[in-house]
Amino acid sequence: EFGTRLDEVILVVKRMQPMWDGGADSNVDWD
């Protein structure tokens, strides 16, 4: 399922958030 794969990608992106300082997450709603 593409949705499941997308969820995995989002989890990786969220793991990367600390070096983005949460800025990107504030501008893009991954939920």
C-alpha atoms as a PDB file:
ATOM      1  CA  GLU A   1       0.000   0.000   0.000  1.00  0.00           C
ATOM      2  CA  PHE A   2       1.360   3.411  -1.001  1.00  0.00           C
ATOM      3  CA  GLY A   3      -0.097   4.985   2.139  1.00  0.00           C
ATOM      4  CA  THR A   4       1.955   2.638   4.332  1.00  0.00           C
ATOM      5  CA  ARG A   5       5.140   3.465   2.410  1.00  0.00           C
ATOM      6  CA  LEU A   6       4.335   7.167   2.716  1.00  0.00           C
ATOM      7  CA  ASP A   7       3.932   6.764   6.491  1.00  0.00           C
ATOM      8  CA  GLU A   8       7.418   5.215   6.625  1.00  0.00           C
ATOM      9  CA  VAL A   9       8.847   8.187   4.716  1.00  0.00           C
ATOM     10  CA  ILE A  10       7.106  10.605   7.096  1.00  0.00           C
ATOM     11  CA  LEU A  11       8.630   8.778  10.083  1.00  0.00           C
ATOM     12  CA  VAL A  12      12.098   9.225   8.571  1.00  0.00           C
ATOM     13  CA  VAL A  13      11.395  12.909   7.939  1.00  0.00           C
ATOM     14  CA  LYS A  14      10.240  13.365  11.546  1.00  0.00           C
ATOM     15  CA  ARG A  15      13.486  11.747  12.738  1.00  0.00           C
ATOM     16  CA  MET A  16      15.322  14.406  10.730  1.00  0.00           C
ATOM     17  CA  GLN A  17      13.316  17.261  12.295  1.00  0.00           C
ATOM     18  CA  PRO A  18      15.878  18.116  15.046  1.00  0.00           C
ATOM     19  CA  MET A  19      18.386  19.462  12.498  1.00  0.00           C
ATOM     20  CA  TRP A  20      15.567  21.424  10.841  1.00  0.00           C
ATOM     21  CA  ASP A  21      14.636  22.805  14.293  1.00  0.00           C
ATOM     22  CA  GLY A  22      10.983  22.001  13.557  1.00  0.00           C
ATOM     23  CA  GLY A  23      10.714  24.881  11.059  1.00  0.00           C
ATOM     24  CA  ALA A  24       9.739  22.723   8.096  1.00  0.00           C
ATOM     25  CA  ASP A  25       7.238  20.789  10.208  1.00  0.00           C
ATOM     26  CA  SER A  26       5.505  24.042  11.150  1.00  0.00           C
ATOM     27  CA  ASN A  27       5.090  24.994   7.493  1.00  0.00           C
ATOM     28  CA  VAL A  28       4.061  21.537   6.252  1.00  0.00           C
ATOM     29  CA  ASP A  29       1.385  19.544   8.075  1.00  0.00           C
ATOM     30  CA  TRP A  30       2.549  15.918   7.736  1.00  0.00           C
ATOM     31  CA  ASP A  31      -0.515  14.729   9.636  1.00  0.00           C
END
